[in-house]
Amino acid sequence: MLIKIAQRYKPYSHTMEIFVLIPKTNKSILVFPTCLQFEDQQISFSLQGPFKDFTCQQDLERGSILIYGKSRQGFFRFEIKVKEGKIVLLIKKVPPHIFYILNDIEKPLLSKQEVVLPLVSTVYEKQTQERLFLGCSKAQDWDLILRREEASEIFPFWHKLAAFIPSIEKTDPFFEECEDLILKKKKQEALYFLKNCFLQGFKDLLHPTVEDHKKQKLFSAFAHDPLLIVSKGRELIRKLFFQYKQNELYLLPCLPSSFICGKMTDVFIEDIGVLDFEWSKGFLRRMVLRSHTKRTLQFVLQRELKSFRFQKDKRESGEKTLFLEKNEVYYFDRFEK
């Protein structure tokens, strides 16, 4: 019994002026068809319009930004990524006789060329493998996603973006209030809070911001660090689906009614191991636990669920207390009311 998420998160936009966060860093870049702006600098290209099918894509699987389209001279494709601790521009494909200007120096732009961008940034090499899926497989056109404002579409991207950023220890009263709602199991209030946090805390293509850029005045006090919005948002989203404290594992403790089905995989829980689980019709359906330690674990299920089947070496049990052995795999299904 394997639980996998086939969905790959690569949101894109056809907007020709768009801010985007560079994965694995704390820096953003403003993308145009003919130039890239960052901090007080820019790199410009001699590409000419009109442009067709211009696309900026944030590849949350590889941790990079893809920029491609058709200029008057021909097709171009660039990639921005972290390489050996530096932020580089990889020229995948470019028409002939194109040049670029950086630091007032003009140079030819060639396919398979690498240009190091003069961006001083903190680089985060490690990333978590945890994935979230909430049942939506629509096209990942970010402009349409923002128009629909469906949390089931937005939250998996938010969660995946945070995989490239380490957990931030500091907190903010804004997020403490939302966490309190989750712990009190006020499902719809917590969902409303997180959704509004996204509307005010992100702009363009998953670009975190502390400014009220849409002038909605959703919150009087907001986070002071853009990356805090990404990191703490992920922590709060996770707590909707599972919580672990004092040897007790709470499964779907604050599941909003709109998240009727979904999956989480590769969930690392310190002192326990790695957890995959799936739910449908609003209730837990299957679960796989790969233990890393020997310990006792108590399951706290949704109130309506009274029993389940536990399998290891073809044994069955309905007990909610499990004695874990180190480096074992445990399978759970038939969760019943």
C-alpha atoms as a PDB file:
ATOM      1  CA  MET A   1       0.000   0.000   0.000  1.00  0.00           C
ATOM      2  CA  LEU A   2       1.714   3.146  -1.243  1.00  0.00           C
ATOM      3  CA  ILE A   3       0.443   6.705  -0.953  1.00  0.00           C
ATOM      4  CA  LYS A   4       1.923   8.987  -3.592  1.00  0.00           C
ATOM      5  CA  ILE A   5       1.205  12.456  -4.969  1.00  0.00           C
ATOM      6  CA  ALA A   6       1.621  12.651  -8.728  1.00  0.00           C
ATOM      7  CA  GLN A   7       0.897  16.378  -8.943  1.00  0.00           C
ATOM      8  CA  ARG A   8       3.949  18.521  -9.767  1.00  0.00           C
ATOM      9  CA  TYR A   9       3.885  22.139  -8.652  1.00  0.00           C
ATOM     10  CA  LYS A  10       5.028  24.534 -11.357  1.00  0.00           C
ATOM     11  CA  PRO A  11       2.787  27.637 -11.325  1.00  0.00           C
ATOM     12  CA  TYR A  12       3.153  30.056 -14.217  1.00  0.00           C
ATOM     13  CA  SER A  13       1.969  33.442 -15.408  1.00  0.00           C
ATOM     14  CA  HIS A  14       1.817  35.174 -18.779  1.00  0.00           C
ATOM     15  CA  THR A  15       1.982  38.629 -17.186  1.00  0.00           C
ATOM     16  CA  MET A  16       4.874  40.619 -18.689  1.00  0.00           C
ATOM     17  CA  GLU A  17       5.773  42.421 -15.447  1.00  0.00           C
ATOM     18  CA  ILE A  18       5.842  40.141 -12.453  1.00  0.00           C
ATOM     19  CA  PHE A  19       7.625  39.747  -9.119  1.00  0.00           C
ATOM     20  CA  VAL A  20       8.737  36.245  -8.141  1.00  0.00           C
ATOM     21  CA  LEU A  21      10.694  34.820  -5.202  1.00  0.00           C
ATOM     22  CA  ILE A  22      13.842  32.921  -6.193  1.00  0.00           C
ATOM     23  CA  PRO A  23      13.537  29.473  -4.523  1.00  0.00           C
ATOM     24  CA  LYS A  24      16.258  28.579  -1.992  1.00  0.00           C
ATOM     25  CA  THR A  25      16.990  32.284  -1.363  1.00  0.00           C
ATOM     26  CA  ASN A  26      15.574  35.324   0.404  1.00  0.00           C
ATOM     27  CA  LYS A  27      15.656  37.418  -2.780  1.00  0.00           C
ATOM     28  CA  SER A  28      13.015  38.299  -5.342  1.00  0.00           C
ATOM     29  CA  ILE A  29      13.316  39.413  -8.929  1.00  0.00           C
ATOM     30  CA  LEU A  30      11.094  41.529 -11.184  1.00  0.00           C
ATOM     31  CA  VAL A  31      10.725  39.843 -14.552  1.00  0.00           C
ATOM     32  CA  PHE A  32      10.135  41.602 -17.885  1.00  0.00           C
ATOM     33  CA  PRO A  33      10.559  40.104 -21.380  1.00  0.00           C
ATOM     34  CA  THR A  34      13.567  42.358 -22.043  1.00  0.00           C
ATOM     35  CA  CYS A  35      15.164  42.652 -18.600  1.00  0.00           C
ATOM     36  CA  LEU A  36      15.404  41.326 -15.064  1.00  0.00           C
ATOM     37  CA  GLN A  37      15.438  43.798 -12.180  1.00  0.00           C
ATOM     38  CA  PHE A  38      16.810  42.974  -8.735  1.00  0.00           C
ATOM     39  CA  GLU A  39      17.477  45.353  -5.869  1.00  0.00           C
ATOM     40  CA  ASP A  40      18.928  48.485  -7.555  1.00  0.00           C
ATOM     41  CA  GLN A  41      20.375  46.654 -10.570  1.00  0.00           C
ATOM     42  CA  GLN A  42      19.201  45.001 -13.747  1.00  0.00           C
ATOM     43  CA  ILE A  43      20.308  42.821 -16.603  1.00  0.00           C
ATOM     44  CA  SER A  44      18.789  43.774 -19.966  1.00  0.00           C
ATOM     45  CA  PHE A  45      18.586  41.863 -23.233  1.00  0.00           C
ATOM     46  CA  SER A  46      18.435  43.070 -26.827  1.00  0.00           C
ATOM     47  CA  LEU A  47      15.303  41.009 -27.455  1.00  0.00           C
ATOM     48  CA  GLN A  48      12.577  42.933 -29.258  1.00  0.00           C
ATOM     49  CA  GLY A  49       8.797  42.687 -29.239  1.00  0.00           C
ATOM     50  CA  PRO A  50       6.065  42.072 -29.895  1.00  0.00           C
ATOM     51  CA  PHE A  51       6.341  39.042 -27.615  1.00  0.00           C
ATOM     52  CA  LYS A  52       4.114  35.981 -27.919  1.00  0.00           C
ATOM     53  CA  ASP A  53       3.424  33.277 -25.345  1.00  0.00           C
ATOM     54  CA  PHE A  54       5.639  34.992 -22.770  1.00  0.00           C
ATOM     55  CA  THR A  55       5.736  32.871 -19.612  1.00  0.00           C
ATOM     56  CA  CYS A  56       7.334  33.141 -16.191  1.00  0.00           C
ATOM     57  CA  GLN A  57       7.187  29.835 -14.331  1.00  0.00           C
ATOM     58  CA  GLN A  58       8.203  29.075 -10.767  1.00  0.00           C
ATOM     59  CA  ASP A  59       9.354  25.453 -10.775  1.00  0.00           C
ATOM     60  CA  LEU A  60       8.786  24.322  -7.199  1.00  0.00           C
ATOM     61  CA  GLU A  61      10.080  20.831  -7.987  1.00  0.00           C
ATOM     62  CA  ARG A  62      13.573  21.835  -9.151  1.00  0.00           C
ATOM     63  CA  GLY A  63      13.687  25.098  -7.214  1.00  0.00           C
ATOM     64  CA  SER A  64      14.157  27.455 -10.146  1.00  0.00           C
ATOM     65  CA  ILE A  65      12.462  30.111 -12.287  1.00  0.00           C
ATOM     66  CA  LEU A  66      11.870  29.574 -15.999  1.00  0.00           C
ATOM     67  CA  ILE A  67      11.357  32.486 -18.384  1.00  0.00           C
ATOM     68  CA  TYR A  68      10.498  31.788 -22.000  1.00  0.00           C
ATOM     69  CA  GLY A  69       8.563  33.025 -25.026  1.00  0.00           C
ATOM     70  CA  LYS A  70       8.844  34.226 -28.615  1.00  0.00           C
ATOM     71  CA  SER A  71      10.410  37.571 -29.482  1.00  0.00           C
ATOM     72  CA  ARG A  72      10.637  39.180 -32.917  1.00  0.00           C
ATOM     73  CA  GLN A  73      14.054  37.495 -33.333  1.00  0.00           C
ATOM     74  CA  GLY A  74      12.888  34.044 -32.228  1.00  0.00           C
ATOM     75  CA  PHE A  75      12.319  31.732 -29.254  1.00  0.00           C
ATOM     76  CA  PHE A  76      14.186  32.226 -25.961  1.00  0.00           C
ATOM     77  CA  ARG A  77      14.327  30.270 -22.727  1.00  0.00           C
ATOM     78  CA  PHE A  78      16.155  31.271 -19.531  1.00  0.00           C
ATOM     79  CA  GLU A  79      16.409  29.672 -16.101  1.00  0.00           C
ATOM     80  CA  ILE A  80      17.294  31.326 -12.791  1.00  0.00           C
ATOM     81  CA  LYS A  81      18.562  29.005 -10.074  1.00  0.00           C
ATOM     82  CA  VAL A  82      21.024  28.589  -7.236  1.00  0.00           C
ATOM     83  CA  LYS A  83      24.260  26.911  -8.281  1.00  0.00           C
ATOM     84  CA  GLU A  84      27.276  26.441  -6.027  1.00  0.00           C
ATOM     85  CA  GLY A  85      26.002  29.079  -3.615  1.00  0.00           C
ATOM     86  CA  LYS A  86      25.413  31.713  -6.295  1.00  0.00           C
ATOM     87  CA  ILE A  87      22.327  32.900  -8.167  1.00  0.00           C
ATOM     88  CA  VAL A  88      22.913  32.252 -11.863  1.00  0.00           C
ATOM     89  CA  LEU A  89      21.045  32.894 -15.095  1.00  0.00           C
ATOM     90  CA  LEU A  90      21.239  29.862 -17.397  1.00  0.00           C
ATOM     91  CA  ILE A  91      20.654  30.561 -21.071  1.00  0.00           C
ATOM     92  CA  LYS A  92      18.843  27.489 -22.355  1.00  0.00           C
ATOM     93  CA  LYS A  93      18.056  28.886 -25.786  1.00  0.00           C
ATOM     94  CA  VAL A  94      18.380  32.307 -27.404  1.00  0.00           C
ATOM     95  CA  PRO A  95      18.176  33.655 -30.995  1.00  0.00           C
ATOM     96  CA  PRO A  96      21.468  34.549 -32.706  1.00  0.00           C
ATOM     97  CA  HIS A  97      23.054  37.995 -32.420  1.00  0.00           C
ATOM     98  CA  ILE A  98      21.519  38.812 -29.025  1.00  0.00           C
ATOM     99  CA  PHE A  99      23.520  40.618 -26.350  1.00  0.00           C
ATOM    100  CA  TYR A 100      22.971  41.536 -22.719  1.00  0.00           C
ATOM    101  CA  ILE A 101      23.986  44.512 -20.589  1.00  0.00           C
ATOM    102  CA  LEU A 102      25.006  44.081 -16.952  1.00  0.00           C
ATOM    103  CA  ASN A 103      26.878  46.708 -14.918  1.00  0.00           C
ATOM    104  CA  ASP A 104      27.006  48.915 -18.045  1.00  0.00           C
ATOM    105  CA  ILE A 105      28.996  46.249 -19.890  1.00  0.00           C
ATOM    106  CA  GLU A 106      27.615  44.807 -23.119  1.00  0.00           C
ATOM    107  CA  LYS A 107      28.357  41.152 -23.928  1.00  0.00           C
ATOM    108  CA  PRO A 108      27.021  38.584 -26.408  1.00  0.00           C
ATOM    109  CA  LEU A 109      24.319  36.232 -25.108  1.00  0.00           C
ATOM    110  CA  LEU A 110      24.786  32.619 -26.191  1.00  0.00           C
ATOM    111  CA  SER A 111      22.891  29.387 -25.680  1.00  0.00           C
ATOM    112  CA  LYS A 112      24.182  27.200 -22.793  1.00  0.00           C
ATOM    113  CA  GLN A 113      25.852  30.257 -21.268  1.00  0.00           C
ATOM    114  CA  GLU A 114      25.799  30.985 -17.525  1.00  0.00           C
ATOM    115  CA  VAL A 115      25.633  34.520 -16.149  1.00  0.00           C
ATOM    116  CA  VAL A 116      26.210  35.042 -12.425  1.00  0.00           C
ATOM    117  CA  LEU A 117      23.776  37.637 -11.117  1.00  0.00           C
ATOM    118  CA  PRO A 118      25.281  40.172  -8.660  1.00  0.00           C
ATOM    119  CA  LEU A 119      22.785  39.326  -5.929  1.00  0.00           C
ATOM    120  CA  VAL A 120      23.990  38.903  -2.362  1.00  0.00           C
ATOM    121  CA  SER A 121      21.607  36.429  -0.775  1.00  0.00           C
ATOM    122  CA  THR A 122      21.290  33.852   1.944  1.00  0.00           C
ATOM    123  CA  VAL A 123      21.195  30.491   0.168  1.00  0.00           C
ATOM    124  CA  TYR A 124      19.210  27.585   1.618  1.00  0.00           C
ATOM    125  CA  GLU A 125      20.495  24.309   0.189  1.00  0.00           C
ATOM    126  CA  LYS A 126      18.365  21.907   2.232  1.00  0.00           C
ATOM    127  CA  GLN A 127      14.717  21.349   1.492  1.00  0.00           C
ATOM    128  CA  THR A 128      11.990  19.130   2.890  1.00  0.00           C
ATOM    129  CA  GLN A 129      10.373  16.424   0.757  1.00  0.00           C
ATOM    130  CA  GLU A 130       6.943  16.848   2.336  1.00  0.00           C
ATOM    131  CA  ARG A 131       4.077  17.248  -0.133  1.00  0.00           C
ATOM    132  CA  LEU A 132       0.430  18.284   0.144  1.00  0.00           C
ATOM    133  CA  PHE A 133      -2.407  17.662  -2.307  1.00  0.00           C
ATOM    134  CA  LEU A 134      -5.980  18.869  -1.794  1.00  0.00           C
ATOM    135  CA  GLY A 135      -7.712  17.282  -4.758  1.00  0.00           C
ATOM    136  CA  CYS A 136      -7.274  20.024  -7.379  1.00  0.00           C
ATOM    137  CA  SER A 137      -5.537  19.219 -10.674  1.00  0.00           C
ATOM    138  CA  LYS A 138      -6.480  22.274 -12.732  1.00  0.00           C
ATOM    139  CA  ALA A 139      -4.007  24.091 -14.965  1.00  0.00           C
ATOM    140  CA  GLN A 140      -1.519  26.018 -12.845  1.00  0.00           C
ATOM    141  CA  ASP A 141      -2.099  29.384 -14.524  1.00  0.00           C
ATOM    142  CA  TRP A 142      -1.506  31.624 -11.517  1.00  0.00           C
ATOM    143  CA  ASP A 143      -3.637  34.493 -12.810  1.00  0.00           C
ATOM    144  CA  LEU A 144      -6.656  32.171 -12.973  1.00  0.00           C
ATOM    145  CA  ILE A 145      -5.857  30.637  -9.581  1.00  0.00           C
ATOM    146  CA  LEU A 146      -5.815  34.109  -8.002  1.00  0.00           C
ATOM    147  CA  ARG A 147      -9.123  34.888  -9.652  1.00  0.00           C
ATOM    148  CA  ARG A 148     -10.759  31.756  -8.231  1.00  0.00           C
ATOM    149  CA  GLU A 149      -9.267  32.245  -4.726  1.00  0.00           C
ATOM    150  CA  GLU A 150      -9.792  28.579  -3.821  1.00  0.00           C
ATOM    151  CA  ALA A 151      -7.782  27.538  -0.767  1.00  0.00           C
ATOM    152  CA  SER A 152      -7.614  23.946  -2.046  1.00  0.00           C
ATOM    153  CA  GLU A 153      -5.616  25.238  -5.029  1.00  0.00           C
ATOM    154  CA  ILE A 154      -3.496  27.839  -3.235  1.00  0.00           C
ATOM    155  CA  PHE A 155      -2.396  26.060  -0.049  1.00  0.00           C
ATOM    156  CA  PRO A 156      -0.356  23.246  -1.725  1.00  0.00           C
ATOM    157  CA  PHE A 157       1.727  25.866  -3.605  1.00  0.00           C
ATOM    158  CA  TRP A 158       2.246  27.895  -0.433  1.00  0.00           C
ATOM    159  CA  HIS A 159       3.233  24.724   1.422  1.00  0.00           C
ATOM    160  CA  LYS A 160       5.625  23.626  -1.354  1.00  0.00           C
ATOM    161  CA  LEU A 161       7.290  27.061  -1.640  1.00  0.00           C
ATOM    162  CA  ALA A 162       8.123  26.900   2.072  1.00  0.00           C
ATOM    163  CA  ALA A 163       9.999  23.615   1.523  1.00  0.00           C
ATOM    164  CA  PHE A 164      12.941  25.691   0.239  1.00  0.00           C
ATOM    165  CA  ILE A 165      13.058  27.918   3.330  1.00  0.00           C
ATOM    166  CA  PRO A 166      14.144  26.794   6.804  1.00  0.00           C
ATOM    167  CA  SER A 167      11.767  27.126   9.717  1.00  0.00           C
ATOM    168  CA  ILE A 168      11.956  30.583  11.287  1.00  0.00           C
ATOM    169  CA  GLU A 169      11.990  30.570  15.069  1.00  0.00           C
ATOM    170  CA  LYS A 170      10.618  34.064  15.613  1.00  0.00           C
ATOM    171  CA  THR A 171       6.882  34.549  15.502  1.00  0.00           C
ATOM    172  CA  ASP A 172       4.342  37.315  15.191  1.00  0.00           C
ATOM    173  CA  PRO A 173       1.047  38.088  17.033  1.00  0.00           C
ATOM    174  CA  PHE A 174      -0.712  37.743  13.705  1.00  0.00           C
ATOM    175  CA  PHE A 175       0.247  34.067  13.374  1.00  0.00           C
ATOM    176  CA  GLU A 176      -0.257  33.358  17.067  1.00  0.00           C
ATOM    177  CA  GLU A 177      -3.893  34.380  16.680  1.00  0.00           C
ATOM    178  CA  CYS A 178      -4.346  32.003  13.754  1.00  0.00           C
ATOM    179  CA  GLU A 179      -2.653  29.139  15.628  1.00  0.00           C
ATOM    180  CA  ASP A 180      -5.022  29.700  18.545  1.00  0.00           C
ATOM    181  CA  LEU A 181      -7.988  29.269  16.197  1.00  0.00           C
ATOM    182  CA  ILE A 182      -6.560  25.982  14.886  1.00  0.00           C
ATOM    183  CA  LEU A 183      -5.874  24.592  18.358  1.00  0.00           C
ATOM    184  CA  LYS A 184      -9.444  25.469  19.363  1.00  0.00           C
ATOM    185  CA  LYS A 185     -10.633  23.598  16.237  1.00  0.00           C
ATOM    186  CA  LYS A 186     -12.411  26.632  14.819  1.00  0.00           C
ATOM    187  CA  LYS A 187     -12.071  25.232  11.329  1.00  0.00           C
ATOM    188  CA  GLN A 188     -13.789  27.800   9.149  1.00  0.00           C
ATOM    189  CA  GLU A 189     -12.409  30.770  11.107  1.00  0.00           C
ATOM    190  CA  ALA A 190      -8.874  29.387  10.750  1.00  0.00           C
ATOM    191  CA  LEU A 191      -9.382  28.790   7.031  1.00  0.00           C
ATOM    192  CA  TYR A 192     -10.731  32.324   6.550  1.00  0.00           C
ATOM    193  CA  PHE A 193      -7.762  33.726   8.475  1.00  0.00           C
ATOM    194  CA  LEU A 194      -5.185  31.801   6.409  1.00  0.00           C
ATOM    195  CA  LYS A 195      -6.869  32.661   3.137  1.00  0.00           C
ATOM    196  CA  ASN A 196      -6.854  36.368   3.972  1.00  0.00           C
ATOM    197  CA  CYS A 197      -3.232  36.041   5.073  1.00  0.00           C
ATOM    198  CA  PHE A 198      -2.424  34.805   1.574  1.00  0.00           C
ATOM    199  CA  LEU A 199      -4.403  37.577  -0.126  1.00  0.00           C
ATOM    200  CA  GLN A 200      -2.558  40.269   1.798  1.00  0.00           C
ATOM    201  CA  GLY A 201       0.811  38.530   2.181  1.00  0.00           C
ATOM    202  CA  PHE A 202       1.505  37.524  -1.438  1.00  0.00           C
ATOM    203  CA  LYS A 203       1.475  39.340  -4.737  1.00  0.00           C
ATOM    204  CA  ASP A 204       2.261  38.439  -8.343  1.00  0.00           C
ATOM    205  CA  LEU A 205       3.724  34.902  -8.650  1.00  0.00           C
ATOM    206  CA  LEU A 206       3.986  33.681  -5.027  1.00  0.00           C
ATOM    207  CA  HIS A 207       6.003  36.734  -4.022  1.00  0.00           C
ATOM    208  CA  PRO A 208       5.718  37.330  -0.235  1.00  0.00           C
ATOM    209  CA  THR A 209       5.299  40.928   0.873  1.00  0.00           C
ATOM    210  CA  VAL A 210       4.645  42.765   4.134  1.00  0.00           C
ATOM    211  CA  GLU A 211       2.897  45.607   2.313  1.00  0.00           C
ATOM    212  CA  ASP A 212      -0.858  45.823   1.930  1.00  0.00           C
ATOM    213  CA  HIS A 213      -0.377  45.978  -1.836  1.00  0.00           C
ATOM    214  CA  LYS A 214      -4.081  45.571  -2.624  1.00  0.00           C
ATOM    215  CA  LYS A 215      -5.126  48.125   0.011  1.00  0.00           C
ATOM    216  CA  GLN A 216      -7.674  45.713   1.461  1.00  0.00           C
ATOM    217  CA  LYS A 217      -6.862  46.459   5.122  1.00  0.00           C
ATOM    218  CA  LEU A 218      -7.564  42.870   6.051  1.00  0.00           C
ATOM    219  CA  PHE A 219      -5.322  43.118   9.099  1.00  0.00           C
ATOM    220  CA  SER A 220      -4.189  46.105  11.105  1.00  0.00           C
ATOM    221  CA  ALA A 221      -0.982  44.373  12.236  1.00  0.00           C
ATOM    222  CA  PHE A 222       0.903  42.059   9.898  1.00  0.00           C
ATOM    223  CA  ALA A 223       4.190  40.174   9.768  1.00  0.00           C
ATOM    224  CA  HIS A 224       7.420  42.189   9.589  1.00  0.00           C
ATOM    225  CA  ASP A 225       9.400  39.654   7.543  1.00  0.00           C
ATOM    226  CA  PRO A 226       8.208  38.418   4.109  1.00  0.00           C
ATOM    227  CA  LEU A 227       9.791  34.987   4.601  1.00  0.00           C
ATOM    228  CA  LEU A 228       7.968  34.674   7.917  1.00  0.00           C
ATOM    229  CA  ILE A 229       4.727  34.656   5.927  1.00  0.00           C
ATOM    230  CA  VAL A 230       6.001  31.709   3.880  1.00  0.00           C
ATOM    231  CA  SER A 231       7.455  29.729   6.795  1.00  0.00           C
ATOM    232  CA  LYS A 232       4.763  30.297   9.432  1.00  0.00           C
ATOM    233  CA  GLY A 233       2.042  29.871   6.843  1.00  0.00           C
ATOM    234  CA  ARG A 234       3.328  26.377   6.115  1.00  0.00           C
ATOM    235  CA  GLU A 235       3.428  25.515   9.823  1.00  0.00           C
ATOM    236  CA  LEU A 236      -0.182  26.594  10.276  1.00  0.00           C
ATOM    237  CA  ILE A 237      -1.335  24.740   7.160  1.00  0.00           C
ATOM    238  CA  ARG A 238       0.316  21.567   8.484  1.00  0.00           C
ATOM    239  CA  LYS A 239      -1.529  21.892  11.794  1.00  0.00           C
ATOM    240  CA  LEU A 240      -4.845  21.700   9.976  1.00  0.00           C
ATOM    241  CA  PHE A 241      -3.984  18.124   8.972  1.00  0.00           C
ATOM    242  CA  PHE A 242      -1.859  16.722  11.786  1.00  0.00           C
ATOM    243  CA  GLN A 243      -0.401  17.676  15.152  1.00  0.00           C
ATOM    244  CA  TYR A 244       2.039  15.846  17.398  1.00  0.00           C
ATOM    245  CA  LYS A 245       2.530  16.480  21.095  1.00  0.00           C
ATOM    246  CA  GLN A 246       3.449  14.369  24.115  1.00  0.00           C
ATOM    247  CA  ASN A 247       3.450  11.022  22.256  1.00  0.00           C
ATOM    248  CA  GLU A 248       0.010  11.743  20.792  1.00  0.00           C
ATOM    249  CA  LEU A 249      -0.519  12.017  17.040  1.00  0.00           C
ATOM    250  CA  TYR A 250      -3.640  13.960  16.056  1.00  0.00           C
ATOM    251  CA  LEU A 251      -4.860  13.157  12.540  1.00  0.00           C
ATOM    252  CA  LEU A 252      -7.010  15.688  10.665  1.00  0.00           C
ATOM    253  CA  PRO A 253      -7.692  17.625  13.895  1.00  0.00           C
ATOM    254  CA  CYS A 254      -8.919  20.794  12.178  1.00  0.00           C
ATOM    255  CA  LEU A 255      -9.981  19.779   8.684  1.00  0.00           C
ATOM    256  CA  PRO A 256     -12.112  22.456   6.966  1.00  0.00           C
ATOM    257  CA  SER A 257     -15.202  21.107   5.227  1.00  0.00           C
ATOM    258  CA  SER A 258     -13.986  22.396   1.843  1.00  0.00           C
ATOM    259  CA  PHE A 259     -10.961  20.046   1.959  1.00  0.00           C
ATOM    260  CA  ILE A 260     -13.100  16.985   1.359  1.00  0.00           C
ATOM    261  CA  CYS A 261     -10.215  14.893   0.034  1.00  0.00           C
ATOM    262  CA  GLY A 262      -6.441  15.088  -0.027  1.00  0.00           C
ATOM    263  CA  LYS A 263      -3.058  13.566   0.760  1.00  0.00           C
ATOM    264  CA  MET A 264       0.131  14.388   2.638  1.00  0.00           C
ATOM    265  CA  THR A 265       3.319  12.445   2.000  1.00  0.00           C
ATOM    266  CA  ASP A 266       6.849  12.340   3.401  1.00  0.00           C
ATOM    267  CA  VAL A 267       5.772  14.097   6.590  1.00  0.00           C
ATOM    268  CA  PHE A 268       8.759  13.983   8.925  1.00  0.00           C
ATOM    269  CA  ILE A 269       7.792  13.873  12.601  1.00  0.00           C
ATOM    270  CA  GLU A 270      10.697  14.189  14.989  1.00  0.00           C
ATOM    271  CA  ASP A 271      11.125  11.237  17.365  1.00  0.00           C
ATOM    272  CA  ILE A 272       8.716   9.109  15.311  1.00  0.00           C
ATOM    273  CA  GLY A 273       9.554   8.824  11.608  1.00  0.00           C
ATOM    274  CA  VAL A 274       7.920   9.556   8.268  1.00  0.00           C
ATOM    275  CA  LEU A 275       4.163   9.568   7.719  1.00  0.00           C
ATOM    276  CA  ASP A 276       1.979   9.358   4.591  1.00  0.00           C
ATOM    277  CA  PHE A 277      -1.781   9.635   4.862  1.00  0.00           C
ATOM    278  CA  GLU A 278      -4.837  10.123   2.687  1.00  0.00           C
ATOM    279  CA  TRP A 279      -8.427  11.139   3.329  1.00  0.00           C
ATOM    280  CA  SER A 280     -11.657  11.200   1.324  1.00  0.00           C
ATOM    281  CA  LYS A 281     -15.204  12.362   2.026  1.00  0.00           C
ATOM    282  CA  GLY A 282     -13.749  14.311   4.932  1.00  0.00           C
ATOM    283  CA  PHE A 283     -12.405  11.243   6.815  1.00  0.00           C
ATOM    284  CA  LEU A 284      -9.091   9.460   7.120  1.00  0.00           C
ATOM    285  CA  ARG A 285      -8.815   6.593   4.635  1.00  0.00           C
ATOM    286  CA  ARG A 286      -5.262   5.187   4.604  1.00  0.00           C
ATOM    287  CA  MET A 287      -1.967   5.779   6.387  1.00  0.00           C
ATOM    288  CA  VAL A 288       1.606   4.491   6.214  1.00  0.00           C
ATOM    289  CA  LEU A 289       4.112   5.082   9.027  1.00  0.00           C
ATOM    290  CA  ARG A 290       7.839   4.382   8.669  1.00  0.00           C
ATOM    291  CA  SER A 291       9.256   4.442  12.189  1.00  0.00           C
ATOM    292  CA  HIS A 292      12.736   5.682  13.041  1.00  0.00           C
ATOM    293  CA  THR A 293      12.689   4.974  16.770  1.00  0.00           C
ATOM    294  CA  LYS A 294      11.324   2.535  19.329  1.00  0.00           C
ATOM    295  CA  ARG A 295       8.516   4.137  21.318  1.00  0.00           C
ATOM    296  CA  THR A 296       4.829   4.120  22.235  1.00  0.00           C
ATOM    297  CA  LEU A 297       2.485   6.221  20.118  1.00  0.00           C
ATOM    298  CA  GLN A 298      -1.132   7.148  20.794  1.00  0.00           C
ATOM    299  CA  PHE A 299      -3.404   7.978  17.838  1.00  0.00           C
ATOM    300  CA  VAL A 300      -6.101  10.613  18.235  1.00  0.00           C
ATOM    301  CA  LEU A 301      -8.536  10.210  15.343  1.00  0.00           C
ATOM    302  CA  GLN A 302     -11.472  12.293  14.199  1.00  0.00           C
ATOM    303  CA  ARG A 303     -14.278  12.020  16.697  1.00  0.00           C
ATOM    304  CA  GLU A 304     -16.527  10.065  14.310  1.00  0.00           C
ATOM    305  CA  LEU A 305     -13.940   7.320  13.682  1.00  0.00           C
ATOM    306  CA  LYS A 306     -14.081   4.452  16.160  1.00  0.00           C
ATOM    307  CA  SER A 307     -11.821   1.763  14.693  1.00  0.00           C
ATOM    308  CA  PHE A 308      -9.248   0.966  12.031  1.00  0.00           C
ATOM    309  CA  ARG A 309      -7.139  -1.919  10.744  1.00  0.00           C
ATOM    310  CA  PHE A 310      -3.438  -2.042  11.532  1.00  0.00           C
ATOM    311  CA  GLN A 311      -1.192  -4.338   9.496  1.00  0.00           C
ATOM    312  CA  LYS A 312       2.335  -5.473  10.114  1.00  0.00           C
ATOM    313  CA  ASP A 313       3.277  -8.969   9.088  1.00  0.00           C
ATOM    314  CA  LYS A 314      -0.439  -9.578   8.408  1.00  0.00           C
ATOM    315  CA  ARG A 315      -1.493  -8.855  11.977  1.00  0.00           C
ATOM    316  CA  GLU A 316      -4.597  -6.829  12.675  1.00  0.00           C
ATOM    317  CA  SER A 317      -5.657  -4.625  15.563  1.00  0.00           C
ATOM    318  CA  GLY A 318      -8.176  -1.954  16.390  1.00  0.00           C
ATOM    319  CA  GLU A 319      -6.176  -0.475  19.233  1.00  0.00           C
ATOM    320  CA  LYS A 320      -5.276   3.210  19.067  1.00  0.00           C
ATOM    321  CA  THR A 321      -2.053   2.729  21.031  1.00  0.00           C
ATOM    322  CA  LEU A 322       0.863   1.400  19.037  1.00  0.00           C
ATOM    323  CA  PHE A 323       4.246   0.144  20.220  1.00  0.00           C
ATOM    324  CA  LEU A 324       6.679   1.152  17.503  1.00  0.00           C
ATOM    325  CA  GLU A 325       9.794  -0.808  16.664  1.00  0.00           C
ATOM    326  CA  LYS A 326      12.763   0.896  15.044  1.00  0.00           C
ATOM    327  CA  ASN A 327      12.952   0.834  11.219  1.00  0.00           C
ATOM    328  CA  GLU A 328       9.576  -0.815  10.679  1.00  0.00           C
ATOM    329  CA  VAL A 329       6.743   0.041   8.279  1.00  0.00           C
ATOM    330  CA  TYR A 330       3.159   0.118   9.579  1.00  0.00           C
ATOM    331  CA  TYR A 331       0.023   0.175   7.424  1.00  0.00           C
ATOM    332  CA  PHE A 332      -3.378   1.495   8.484  1.00  0.00           C
ATOM    333  CA  ASP A 333      -6.705   1.393   6.649  1.00  0.00           C
ATOM    334  CA  ARG A 334     -10.422   0.604   7.106  1.00  0.00           C
ATOM    335  CA  PHE A 335     -11.045   3.623   9.289  1.00  0.00           C
ATOM    336  CA  GLU A 336     -14.657   3.179  10.289  1.00  0.00           C
ATOM    337  CA  LYS A 337     -17.293   5.103  12.224  1.00  0.00           C
END
